[in-house]
Amino acid sequence: MADRPQPHQLQVHPQHRYDAGVKTLLPQKGPSTSQVLAVIALLPLAGFLLLLAGLTFAGCALGLAVITPLFLIFSPVLVPAAIAIGLAVVSFATSGAFGVTGLSSLSFAVNSFRQAAAPLPGYLRSAMDKLGEKTKGLGQGIQKQAHEGGPIRTLGY
């Protein structure tokens, strides 16, 4: 009776055979010719880049070892100078950002008023057109001066 399976028992028959080891990690076929040629071609380049990375790292470490005593000696002067330069750069960048934001918001307001459904009186229309032209001209002037590297002039002041 023990040889016959009982109706409430379950029989399991394995359908797949699993080979443990490295064979399961490797593909069944080898690499293609183009893959082998790519590895052979890129191996010297990778070695050269690793060499450059090592030389750069060694140069940085050597430079840091030489410069560190100078930084310690001159730190009472260098730290406030770095802070002042950093604040100046941040203030110039903030000023430029505020200027661009102001010009773009003014341009947006002028364009939105132009596209309004209600017709405007003649004097208001001409004033808005003049303002739009000045805003456009000012933006183009700033852009031109920025490309040339000269001082920026605003509205004839």
N, C-alpha and C. Protein backbone atom coordinates (compact mmCIF):
# COMPACT_ATOMS: atom_id res chain seq x y z
N MET A 1 0.79 -1.20 0.00
CA MET A 1 0.00 0.00 0.00
C MET A 1 0.84 1.27 0.00
N ALA A 2 1.99 1.18 0.56
CA ALA A 2 2.84 2.36 0.61
C ALA A 2 3.40 2.70 -0.75
N ASP A 3 3.42 1.70 -1.68
CA ASP A 3 3.97 1.95 -3.01
C ASP A 3 3.02 2.74 -3.88
N ARG A 4 1.76 2.55 -3.71
CA ARG A 4 0.78 3.26 -4.53
C ARG A 4 0.53 4.67 -3.96
N PRO A 5 0.49 5.67 -4.83
CA PRO A 5 0.19 7.01 -4.32
C PRO A 5 -1.27 7.12 -3.88
N GLN A 6 -1.47 7.79 -2.84
CA GLN A 6 -2.81 8.03 -2.33
C GLN A 6 -3.46 9.15 -3.14
N PRO A 7 -4.78 9.19 -3.22
CA PRO A 7 -5.44 10.22 -4.04
C PRO A 7 -5.17 11.64 -3.56
N HIS A 8 -4.86 11.85 -2.31
CA HIS A 8 -4.64 13.21 -1.82
C HIS A 8 -3.17 13.60 -1.89
N GLN A 9 -2.29 12.76 -2.39
CA GLN A 9 -0.87 13.09 -2.51
C GLN A 9 -0.59 13.67 -3.90
N LEU A 10 0.47 14.49 -3.98
CA LEU A 10 0.84 15.16 -5.22
C LEU A 10 2.20 14.64 -5.67
N GLN A 11 2.32 14.26 -6.91
CA GLN A 11 3.59 13.80 -7.45
C GLN A 11 4.21 14.94 -8.29
N VAL A 12 5.50 15.17 -8.07
CA VAL A 12 6.22 16.23 -8.77
C VAL A 12 7.25 15.58 -9.67
N HIS A 13 7.18 15.94 -10.95
CA HIS A 13 8.15 15.46 -11.92
C HIS A 13 8.93 16.66 -12.45
N PRO A 14 10.21 16.73 -12.17
CA PRO A 14 10.99 17.89 -12.67
C PRO A 14 11.08 17.86 -14.19
N GLN A 15 10.81 19.03 -14.80
CA GLN A 15 10.83 19.12 -16.26
C GLN A 15 12.12 19.77 -16.76
N HIS A 16 12.76 20.60 -15.94
CA HIS A 16 13.98 21.30 -16.34
C HIS A 16 15.14 20.80 -15.50
N ARG A 17 16.28 20.68 -16.11
CA ARG A 17 17.47 20.28 -15.39
C ARG A 17 18.36 21.51 -15.28
N TYR A 18 18.74 21.84 -14.09
CA TYR A 18 19.56 23.02 -13.84
C TYR A 18 20.99 22.58 -13.59
N ASP A 19 21.92 23.15 -14.39
CA ASP A 19 23.34 22.88 -14.18
C ASP A 19 23.90 23.98 -13.31
N ALA A 20 24.40 23.65 -12.17
CA ALA A 20 24.98 24.65 -11.28
C ALA A 20 26.38 24.98 -11.76
N GLY A 21 26.83 26.17 -11.47
CA GLY A 21 28.19 26.54 -11.82
C GLY A 21 28.24 27.68 -12.79
N VAL A 22 29.40 27.83 -13.42
CA VAL A 22 29.66 28.96 -14.29
C VAL A 22 28.95 28.82 -15.62
N LYS A 23 28.63 27.61 -16.03
CA LYS A 23 28.02 27.41 -17.35
C LYS A 23 26.70 28.16 -17.50
N THR A 24 25.96 28.34 -16.43
CA THR A 24 24.68 29.03 -16.54
C THR A 24 24.87 30.53 -16.73
N LEU A 25 26.03 31.07 -16.34
CA LEU A 25 26.26 32.50 -16.47
C LEU A 25 26.76 32.88 -17.86
N LEU A 26 27.39 31.95 -18.56
CA LEU A 26 27.95 32.25 -19.86
C LEU A 26 26.95 31.95 -20.97
N PRO A 27 27.00 32.69 -22.06
CA PRO A 27 26.10 32.38 -23.17
C PRO A 27 26.51 31.06 -23.85
N GLN A 28 25.61 30.48 -24.57
CA GLN A 28 25.87 29.21 -25.22
C GLN A 28 26.86 29.35 -26.37
N LYS A 29 26.84 30.48 -27.08
CA LYS A 29 27.77 30.69 -28.18
C LYS A 29 28.76 31.76 -27.78
N GLY A 30 29.89 31.80 -28.47
CA GLY A 30 30.93 32.76 -28.16
C GLY A 30 30.62 34.13 -28.73
N PRO A 31 31.50 35.12 -28.44
CA PRO A 31 31.28 36.47 -28.98
C PRO A 31 31.49 36.49 -30.48
N SER A 32 30.84 37.44 -31.12
CA SER A 32 30.96 37.56 -32.57
C SER A 32 32.30 38.21 -32.93
N THR A 33 32.63 38.18 -34.20
CA THR A 33 33.89 38.75 -34.67
C THR A 33 33.93 40.26 -34.45
N SER A 34 32.82 40.92 -34.68
CA SER A 34 32.78 42.37 -34.49
C SER A 34 32.96 42.74 -33.02
N GLN A 35 32.43 41.93 -32.12
CA GLN A 35 32.62 42.21 -30.70
C GLN A 35 34.08 42.04 -30.30
N VAL A 36 34.73 41.00 -30.81
CA VAL A 36 36.14 40.78 -30.50
C VAL A 36 36.99 41.92 -31.05
N LEU A 37 36.71 42.36 -32.29
CA LEU A 37 37.47 43.47 -32.88
C LEU A 37 37.24 44.77 -32.11
N ALA A 38 36.02 44.98 -31.64
CA ALA A 38 35.72 46.19 -30.86
C ALA A 38 36.52 46.19 -29.56
N VAL A 39 36.59 45.05 -28.89
CA VAL A 39 37.36 44.97 -27.64
C VAL A 39 38.84 45.19 -27.91
N ILE A 40 39.36 44.59 -28.99
CA ILE A 40 40.77 44.75 -29.32
C ILE A 40 41.08 46.20 -29.67
N ALA A 41 40.16 46.87 -30.35
CA ALA A 41 40.38 48.26 -30.74
C ALA A 41 40.27 49.20 -29.55
N LEU A 42 39.38 48.93 -28.64
CA LEU A 42 39.15 49.84 -27.52
C LEU A 42 40.07 49.59 -26.33
N LEU A 43 40.75 48.47 -26.28
CA LEU A 43 41.62 48.16 -25.16
C LEU A 43 42.78 49.15 -25.04
N PRO A 44 43.50 49.49 -26.11
CA PRO A 44 44.57 50.49 -25.97
C PRO A 44 44.04 51.87 -25.57
N LEU A 45 42.89 52.24 -26.11
CA LEU A 45 42.31 53.53 -25.75
C LEU A 45 41.97 53.58 -24.27
N ALA A 46 41.37 52.51 -23.76
CA ALA A 46 41.03 52.46 -22.34
C ALA A 46 42.29 52.51 -21.48
N GLY A 47 43.33 51.81 -21.91
CA GLY A 47 44.59 51.85 -21.17
C GLY A 47 45.19 53.24 -21.16
N PHE A 48 45.15 53.93 -22.31
CA PHE A 48 45.68 55.29 -22.39
C PHE A 48 44.90 56.24 -21.49
N LEU A 49 43.58 56.10 -21.48
CA LEU A 49 42.75 56.96 -20.63
C LEU A 49 43.00 56.68 -19.15
N LEU A 50 43.21 55.41 -18.80
CA LEU A 50 43.55 55.09 -17.41
C LEU A 50 44.91 55.68 -17.03
N LEU A 51 45.86 55.64 -17.96
CA LEU A 51 47.17 56.25 -17.71
C LEU A 51 47.03 57.75 -17.48
N LEU A 52 46.24 58.42 -18.32
CA LEU A 52 46.02 59.86 -18.14
C LEU A 52 45.34 60.16 -16.81
N ALA A 53 44.38 59.32 -16.43
CA ALA A 53 43.70 59.53 -15.15
C ALA A 53 44.69 59.38 -13.99
N GLY A 54 45.57 58.39 -14.07
CA GLY A 54 46.56 58.21 -13.02
C GLY A 54 47.53 59.36 -12.94
N LEU A 55 48.01 59.84 -14.10
CA LEU A 55 48.92 60.98 -14.10
C LEU A 55 48.25 62.24 -13.55
N THR A 56 47.01 62.45 -13.92
CA THR A 56 46.27 63.61 -13.41
C THR A 56 46.11 63.53 -11.90
N PHE A 57 45.76 62.35 -11.41
CA PHE A 57 45.60 62.16 -9.97
C PHE A 57 46.92 62.41 -9.24
N ALA A 58 48.01 61.87 -9.79
CA ALA A 58 49.32 62.06 -9.15
C ALA A 58 49.70 63.54 -9.16
N GLY A 59 49.43 64.24 -10.26
CA GLY A 59 49.73 65.67 -10.31
C GLY A 59 48.91 66.47 -9.32
N CYS A 60 47.64 66.13 -9.19
CA CYS A 60 46.79 66.84 -8.21
C CYS A 60 47.26 66.58 -6.79
N ALA A 61 47.61 65.34 -6.49
CA ALA A 61 48.08 65.02 -5.13
C ALA A 61 49.39 65.74 -4.83
N LEU A 62 50.31 65.76 -5.78
CA LEU A 62 51.57 66.45 -5.59
C LEU A 62 51.36 67.95 -5.43
N GLY A 63 50.53 68.52 -6.29
CA GLY A 63 50.23 69.95 -6.18
C GLY A 63 49.59 70.30 -4.85
N LEU A 64 48.68 69.47 -4.40
CA LEU A 64 48.04 69.73 -3.11
C LEU A 64 49.03 69.64 -1.98
N ALA A 65 49.96 68.69 -2.05
CA ALA A 65 50.97 68.55 -1.00
C ALA A 65 51.90 69.75 -0.96
N VAL A 66 52.18 70.34 -2.12
CA VAL A 66 53.07 71.50 -2.17
C VAL A 66 52.33 72.77 -1.75
N ILE A 67 51.08 72.92 -2.15
CA ILE A 67 50.34 74.16 -1.92
C ILE A 67 49.74 74.25 -0.52
N THR A 68 49.48 73.13 0.12
CA THR A 68 48.80 73.15 1.43
C THR A 68 49.52 74.04 2.45
N PRO A 69 50.84 73.97 2.61
CA PRO A 69 51.48 74.89 3.57
C PRO A 69 51.28 76.36 3.23
N LEU A 70 51.27 76.68 1.92
CA LEU A 70 51.03 78.08 1.53
C LEU A 70 49.61 78.51 1.89
N PHE A 71 48.64 77.62 1.68
CA PHE A 71 47.27 77.95 2.07
C PHE A 71 47.16 78.19 3.57
N LEU A 72 47.86 77.40 4.36
CA LEU A 72 47.80 77.57 5.81
C LEU A 72 48.44 78.89 6.24
N ILE A 73 49.53 79.26 5.58
CA ILE A 73 50.21 80.51 5.95
C ILE A 73 49.38 81.72 5.54
N PHE A 74 48.82 81.69 4.33
CA PHE A 74 48.12 82.85 3.81
C PHE A 74 46.60 82.79 4.00
N SER A 75 46.10 81.87 4.78
CA SER A 75 44.65 81.74 4.94
C SER A 75 43.98 82.97 5.54
N PRO A 76 44.62 83.73 6.46
CA PRO A 76 43.94 84.95 6.95
C PRO A 76 43.66 85.96 5.85
N VAL A 77 44.40 85.91 4.74
CA VAL A 77 44.18 86.83 3.63
C VAL A 77 43.29 86.18 2.58
N LEU A 78 43.52 84.89 2.29
CA LEU A 78 42.84 84.22 1.19
C LEU A 78 41.36 83.98 1.46
N VAL A 79 41.02 83.62 2.69
CA VAL A 79 39.62 83.31 2.99
C VAL A 79 38.72 84.54 2.83
N PRO A 80 39.06 85.69 3.44
CA PRO A 80 38.20 86.86 3.20
C PRO A 80 38.19 87.30 1.73
N ALA A 81 39.31 87.15 1.03
CA ALA A 81 39.34 87.52 -0.39
C ALA A 81 38.43 86.60 -1.20
N ALA A 82 38.45 85.31 -0.90
CA ALA A 82 37.57 84.37 -1.60
C ALA A 82 36.10 84.67 -1.30
N ILE A 83 35.81 85.02 -0.06
CA ILE A 83 34.43 85.36 0.30
C ILE A 83 33.99 86.61 -0.44
N ALA A 84 34.84 87.62 -0.49
CA ALA A 84 34.50 88.87 -1.19
C ALA A 84 34.30 88.63 -2.69
N ILE A 85 35.17 87.86 -3.30
CA ILE A 85 35.02 87.57 -4.73
C ILE A 85 33.75 86.77 -4.99
N GLY A 86 33.48 85.80 -4.11
CA GLY A 86 32.25 85.00 -4.26
C GLY A 86 31.00 85.86 -4.14
N LEU A 87 30.98 86.76 -3.16
CA LEU A 87 29.82 87.65 -3.02
C LEU A 87 29.67 88.58 -4.21
N ALA A 88 30.78 89.07 -4.75
CA ALA A 88 30.70 89.95 -5.92
C ALA A 88 30.13 89.20 -7.12
N VAL A 89 30.59 87.97 -7.35
CA VAL A 89 30.09 87.18 -8.47
C VAL A 89 28.61 86.89 -8.31
N VAL A 90 28.20 86.52 -7.08
CA VAL A 90 26.78 86.23 -6.83
C VAL A 90 25.94 87.49 -7.03
N SER A 91 26.43 88.65 -6.58
CA SER A 91 25.64 89.88 -6.73
C SER A 91 25.50 90.28 -8.20
N PHE A 92 26.56 90.13 -8.99
CA PHE A 92 26.45 90.43 -10.42
C PHE A 92 25.48 89.48 -11.11
N ALA A 93 25.55 88.21 -10.77
CA ALA A 93 24.64 87.24 -11.39
C ALA A 93 23.20 87.53 -10.98
N THR A 94 22.98 87.87 -9.72
CA THR A 94 21.63 88.19 -9.26
C THR A 94 21.11 89.45 -9.95
N SER A 95 21.96 90.45 -10.08
CA SER A 95 21.55 91.69 -10.75
C SER A 95 21.14 91.41 -12.19
N GLY A 96 21.94 90.61 -12.90
CA GLY A 96 21.60 90.26 -14.27
C GLY A 96 20.30 89.48 -14.36
N ALA A 97 20.11 88.55 -13.42
CA ALA A 97 18.87 87.76 -13.43
C ALA A 97 17.66 88.65 -13.17
N PHE A 98 17.79 89.59 -12.23
CA PHE A 98 16.67 90.50 -11.97
C PHE A 98 16.39 91.38 -13.18
N GLY A 99 17.45 91.84 -13.86
CA GLY A 99 17.25 92.67 -15.05
C GLY A 99 16.55 91.92 -16.16
N VAL A 100 16.98 90.69 -16.42
CA VAL A 100 16.34 89.89 -17.47
C VAL A 100 14.89 89.57 -17.09
N THR A 101 14.66 89.28 -15.81
CA THR A 101 13.30 89.00 -15.35
C THR A 101 12.40 90.22 -15.52
N GLY A 102 12.92 91.41 -15.17
CA GLY A 102 12.14 92.63 -15.33
C GLY A 102 11.82 92.93 -16.77
N LEU A 103 12.81 92.78 -17.64
CA LEU A 103 12.56 93.04 -19.06
C LEU A 103 11.57 92.04 -19.66
N SER A 104 11.70 90.78 -19.28
CA SER A 104 10.78 89.78 -19.85
C SER A 104 9.37 89.97 -19.31
N SER A 105 9.23 90.36 -18.03
CA SER A 105 7.88 90.59 -17.51
C SER A 105 7.25 91.85 -18.14
N LEU A 106 8.07 92.86 -18.37
CA LEU A 106 7.56 94.07 -19.03
C LEU A 106 7.13 93.75 -20.46
N SER A 107 7.93 92.96 -21.16
CA SER A 107 7.59 92.55 -22.51
C SER A 107 6.31 91.71 -22.53
N PHE A 108 6.19 90.81 -21.55
CA PHE A 108 4.99 89.99 -21.47
C PHE A 108 3.75 90.86 -21.23
N ALA A 109 3.88 91.84 -20.33
CA ALA A 109 2.75 92.71 -20.04
C ALA A 109 2.35 93.52 -21.28
N VAL A 110 3.33 94.04 -21.99
CA VAL A 110 3.03 94.82 -23.19
C VAL A 110 2.36 93.94 -24.24
N ASN A 111 2.87 92.73 -24.45
CA ASN A 111 2.27 91.83 -25.43
C ASN A 111 0.87 91.40 -25.03
N SER A 112 0.64 91.17 -23.74
CA SER A 112 -0.69 90.76 -23.31
C SER A 112 -1.69 91.90 -23.44
N PHE A 113 -1.24 93.14 -23.21
CA PHE A 113 -2.14 94.28 -23.40
C PHE A 113 -2.44 94.50 -24.87
N ARG A 114 -1.45 94.24 -25.74
CA ARG A 114 -1.67 94.39 -27.17
C ARG A 114 -2.72 93.41 -27.68
N GLN A 115 -2.70 92.21 -27.12
CA GLN A 115 -3.60 91.17 -27.59
C GLN A 115 -4.95 91.19 -26.88
N ALA A 116 -5.18 92.21 -26.06
CA ALA A 116 -6.45 92.30 -25.34
C ALA A 116 -7.59 92.49 -26.35
N ALA A 117 -8.76 91.98 -26.00
CA ALA A 117 -9.90 92.03 -26.92
C ALA A 117 -10.44 93.45 -27.08
N ALA A 118 -10.46 94.24 -26.03
CA ALA A 118 -11.04 95.58 -26.11
C ALA A 118 -10.07 96.52 -26.82
N PRO A 119 -10.57 97.32 -27.74
CA PRO A 119 -9.70 98.28 -28.41
C PRO A 119 -9.26 99.38 -27.43
N LEU A 120 -8.05 99.82 -27.57
CA LEU A 120 -7.51 100.85 -26.68
C LEU A 120 -7.63 102.22 -27.34
N PRO A 121 -7.69 103.26 -26.54
CA PRO A 121 -7.65 104.62 -27.11
C PRO A 121 -6.33 104.84 -27.83
N GLY A 122 -6.33 105.76 -28.75
CA GLY A 122 -5.15 106.01 -29.59
C GLY A 122 -3.92 106.40 -28.80
N TYR A 123 -4.06 107.26 -27.79
CA TYR A 123 -2.89 107.72 -27.04
C TYR A 123 -2.30 106.57 -26.21
N LEU A 124 -3.17 105.69 -25.68
CA LEU A 124 -2.68 104.56 -24.90
C LEU A 124 -2.00 103.53 -25.82
N ARG A 125 -2.58 103.34 -27.00
CA ARG A 125 -2.00 102.40 -27.97
C ARG A 125 -0.60 102.89 -28.37
N SER A 126 -0.46 104.19 -28.68
CA SER A 126 0.85 104.71 -29.11
C SER A 126 1.86 104.65 -27.98
N ALA A 127 1.42 104.93 -26.74
CA ALA A 127 2.33 104.84 -25.59
C ALA A 127 2.82 103.41 -25.40
N MET A 128 1.91 102.44 -25.55
CA MET A 128 2.30 101.04 -25.39
C MET A 128 3.22 100.61 -26.51
N ASP A 129 2.99 101.09 -27.72
CA ASP A 129 3.87 100.75 -28.83
C ASP A 129 5.27 101.30 -28.60
N LYS A 130 5.35 102.55 -28.11
CA LYS A 130 6.66 103.15 -27.80
C LYS A 130 7.37 102.34 -26.71
N LEU A 131 6.61 101.97 -25.68
CA LEU A 131 7.19 101.20 -24.59
C LEU A 131 7.68 99.84 -25.09
N GLY A 132 6.91 99.23 -25.94
CA GLY A 132 7.33 97.95 -26.51
C GLY A 132 8.58 98.07 -27.36
N GLU A 133 8.64 99.16 -28.16
CA GLU A 133 9.83 99.37 -28.99
C GLU A 133 11.06 99.63 -28.14
N LYS A 134 10.89 100.44 -27.07
CA LYS A 134 12.03 100.72 -26.19
C LYS A 134 12.49 99.45 -25.47
N THR A 135 11.52 98.66 -25.04
CA THR A 135 11.88 97.40 -24.36
C THR A 135 12.62 96.48 -25.31
N LYS A 136 12.13 96.38 -26.54
CA LYS A 136 12.78 95.53 -27.53
C LYS A 136 14.17 96.05 -27.87
N GLY A 137 14.27 97.35 -28.06
CA GLY A 137 15.57 97.96 -28.36
C GLY A 137 16.56 97.80 -27.22
N LEU A 138 16.07 97.95 -26.00
CA LEU A 138 16.93 97.79 -24.84
C LEU A 138 17.43 96.36 -24.73
N GLY A 139 16.56 95.41 -24.96
CA GLY A 139 16.96 94.01 -24.91
C GLY A 139 17.99 93.69 -25.99
N GLN A 140 17.77 94.22 -27.19
CA GLN A 140 18.73 93.98 -28.27
C GLN A 140 20.07 94.68 -27.98
N GLY A 141 20.01 95.86 -27.39
CA GLY A 141 21.24 96.57 -27.05
C GLY A 141 22.04 95.82 -25.99
N ILE A 142 21.35 95.31 -25.00
CA ILE A 142 22.04 94.53 -23.96
C ILE A 142 22.65 93.28 -24.57
N GLN A 143 21.92 92.64 -25.45
CA GLN A 143 22.42 91.43 -26.09
C GLN A 143 23.65 91.76 -26.95
N LYS A 144 23.60 92.87 -27.67
CA LYS A 144 24.73 93.27 -28.52
C LYS A 144 25.95 93.60 -27.68
N GLN A 145 25.75 94.36 -26.59
CA GLN A 145 26.86 94.73 -25.72
C GLN A 145 27.45 93.51 -25.02
N ALA A 146 26.59 92.56 -24.69
CA ALA A 146 27.09 91.35 -24.04
C ALA A 146 27.97 90.56 -24.99
N HIS A 147 27.61 90.52 -26.27
CA HIS A 147 28.42 89.80 -27.25
C HIS A 147 29.73 90.53 -27.53
N GLU A 148 29.69 91.87 -27.52
CA GLU A 148 30.90 92.65 -27.80
C GLU A 148 31.78 92.78 -26.57
N GLY A 149 31.21 92.66 -25.38
CA GLY A 149 31.99 92.76 -24.14
C GLY A 149 32.15 94.18 -23.65
N GLY A 150 31.40 95.12 -24.16
CA GLY A 150 31.51 96.51 -23.72
C GLY A 150 30.56 96.82 -22.58
N PRO A 151 30.59 98.08 -22.11
CA PRO A 151 29.66 98.46 -21.02
C PRO A 151 28.22 98.50 -21.53
N ILE A 152 27.30 98.22 -20.63
CA ILE A 152 25.88 98.20 -21.00
C ILE A 152 25.28 99.57 -20.71
N ARG A 153 24.64 100.16 -21.73
CA ARG A 153 23.99 101.48 -21.57
C ARG A 153 22.48 101.24 -21.59
N THR A 154 21.80 101.91 -20.65
CA THR A 154 20.36 101.71 -20.55
C THR A 154 19.63 103.03 -20.72
N LEU A 155 18.71 103.08 -21.64
CA LEU A 155 17.77 104.19 -21.86
C LEU A 155 18.45 105.55 -21.90
N GLY A 156 19.69 105.63 -22.38
CA GLY A 156 20.37 106.91 -22.59
C GLY A 156 20.87 107.56 -21.33
N TYR A 157 20.91 106.88 -20.19
CA TYR A 157 21.43 107.50 -18.97
C TYR A 157 22.91 107.36 -18.88
